[in-house]
């Protein structure tokens, strides 16, 4: 694990997570271990802890309660 750079480690986590999603418990354990190492190296990322960006609400044009025709 120490000889892998961050990109290789992230790729390995992805591969093991994919195997774990198919039901392999050993793969899930390995993915957890690798992911913990990755988080230790790079810290929390915005995608893991940040709020999702939402567009500001546009002001709604008020409609009259009656329909003009």
C-alpha atoms as a PDB file:
ATOM      1  CA  UNK A   1       0.000   0.000   0.000  1.00  0.00           C
ATOM      2  CA  UNK A   2       2.807   2.426   0.793  1.00  0.00           C
ATOM      3  CA  UNK A   3       4.317   2.055  -2.668  1.00  0.00           C
ATOM      4  CA  UNK A   4       1.081   3.100  -4.412  1.00  0.00           C
ATOM      5  CA  UNK A   5       0.474   6.740  -5.236  1.00  0.00           C
ATOM      6  CA  UNK A   6      -2.903   8.344  -4.515  1.00  0.00           C
ATOM      7  CA  UNK A   7      -4.342   7.726  -7.983  1.00  0.00           C
ATOM      8  CA  UNK A   8      -3.398   4.061  -7.937  1.00  0.00           C
ATOM      9  CA  UNK A   9      -4.853   3.705  -4.463  1.00  0.00           C
ATOM     10  CA  UNK A  10      -8.114   5.357  -5.538  1.00  0.00           C
ATOM     11  CA  UNK A  11      -8.293   3.026  -8.545  1.00  0.00           C
ATOM     12  CA  UNK A  12      -7.713  -0.001  -6.318  1.00  0.00           C
ATOM     13  CA  UNK A  13     -10.477   1.157  -3.962  1.00  0.00           C
ATOM     14  CA  UNK A  14     -12.828   1.452  -6.941  1.00  0.00           C
ATOM     15  CA  UNK A  15     -12.004  -2.047  -8.187  1.00  0.00           C
ATOM     16  CA  UNK A  16     -12.401  -3.656  -4.754  1.00  0.00           C
ATOM     17  CA  UNK A  17     -15.634  -1.697  -4.088  1.00  0.00           C
ATOM     18  CA  UNK A  18     -17.023  -3.006  -7.382  1.00  0.00           C
ATOM     19  CA  UNK A  19     -16.176  -6.581  -6.387  1.00  0.00           C
ATOM     20  CA  UNK A  20     -17.720  -5.984  -2.960  1.00  0.00           C
ATOM     21  CA  UNK A  21     -20.950  -4.747  -4.547  1.00  0.00           C
ATOM     22  CA  UNK A  22     -21.302  -8.210  -6.077  1.00  0.00           C
ATOM     23  CA  UNK A  23     -21.397  -9.740  -2.605  1.00  0.00           C
ATOM     24  CA  UNK A  24     -17.761 -10.609  -1.908  1.00  0.00           C
ATOM     25  CA  UNK A  25     -17.238  -9.972   1.814  1.00  0.00           C
ATOM     26  CA  UNK A  26     -13.453 -10.282   1.608  1.00  0.00           C
ATOM     27  CA  UNK A  27     -13.411  -7.656  -1.139  1.00  0.00           C
ATOM     28  CA  UNK A  28     -15.481  -5.353   1.085  1.00  0.00           C
ATOM     29  CA  UNK A  29     -12.952  -5.718   3.901  1.00  0.00           C
ATOM     30  CA  UNK A  30     -10.049  -4.950   1.572  1.00  0.00           C
ATOM     31  CA  UNK A  31     -11.900  -1.964   0.090  1.00  0.00           C
ATOM     32  CA  UNK A  32     -12.555  -0.607   3.592  1.00  0.00           C
ATOM     33  CA  UNK A  33      -8.877  -0.917   4.473  1.00  0.00           C
ATOM     34  CA  UNK A  34      -7.734   0.773   1.253  1.00  0.00           C
ATOM     35  CA  UNK A  35     -10.341   3.496   1.569  1.00  0.00           C
ATOM     36  CA  UNK A  36      -9.233   4.259   5.130  1.00  0.00           C
ATOM     37  CA  UNK A  37      -5.654   4.647   3.882  1.00  0.00           C
ATOM     38  CA  UNK A  38      -6.807   6.925   1.070  1.00  0.00           C
ATOM     39  CA  UNK A  39      -8.797   9.112   3.462  1.00  0.00           C
ATOM     40  CA  UNK A  40      -5.782   9.279   5.777  1.00  0.00           C
ATOM     41  CA  UNK A  41      -3.580  10.450   2.901  1.00  0.00           C
ATOM     42  CA  UNK A  42      -5.782  13.016   1.214  1.00  0.00           C
ATOM     43  CA  UNK A  43      -8.293  13.870   3.919  1.00  0.00           C
ATOM     44  CA  UNK A  44     -11.959  14.550   3.355  1.00  0.00           C
ATOM     45  CA  UNK A  45     -12.870  15.575  -0.155  1.00  0.00           C
ATOM     46  CA  UNK A  46     -15.586  18.073  -1.043  1.00  0.00           C
ATOM     47  CA  UNK A  47     -17.657  15.354  -2.670  1.00  0.00           C
ATOM     48  CA  UNK A  48     -17.716  13.362   0.568  1.00  0.00           C
ATOM     49  CA  UNK A  49     -18.557  16.133   3.024  1.00  0.00           C
ATOM     50  CA  UNK A  50     -19.708  19.173   1.082  1.00  0.00           C
ATOM     51  CA  UNK A  51     -23.261  20.201   0.478  1.00  0.00           C
ATOM     52  CA  UNK A  52     -24.619  19.694  -2.971  1.00  0.00           C
ATOM     53  CA  UNK A  53     -24.768  22.824  -5.060  1.00  0.00           C
ATOM     54  CA  UNK A  54     -28.281  24.004  -5.648  1.00  0.00           C
ATOM     55  CA  UNK A  55     -29.389  26.774  -7.920  1.00  0.00           C
ATOM     56  CA  UNK A  56     -30.875  29.768  -6.169  1.00  0.00           C
ATOM     57  CA  UNK A  57     -34.620  29.881  -6.467  1.00  0.00           C
ATOM     58  CA  UNK A  58     -35.880  32.224  -9.108  1.00  0.00           C
ATOM     59  CA  UNK A  59     -38.605  34.579  -7.975  1.00  0.00           C
ATOM     60  CA  UNK A  60     -41.955  33.148  -8.930  1.00  0.00           C
ATOM     61  CA  UNK A  61     -44.306  35.367 -10.838  1.00  0.00           C
ATOM     62  CA  UNK A  62     -47.505  35.523  -8.837  1.00  0.00           C
ATOM     63  CA  UNK A  63     -50.493  34.394 -10.748  1.00  0.00           C
ATOM     64  CA  UNK A  64     -53.895  35.807 -10.021  1.00  0.00           C
ATOM     65  CA  UNK A  65     -56.334  33.443  -8.393  1.00  0.00           C
ATOM     66  CA  UNK A  66     -58.703  34.014 -11.319  1.00  0.00           C
ATOM     67  CA  UNK A  67     -57.963  33.108 -14.893  1.00  0.00           C
ATOM     68  CA  UNK A  68     -58.080  35.892 -17.465  1.00  0.00           C
ATOM     69  CA  UNK A  69     -59.561  34.816 -20.791  1.00  0.00           C
END
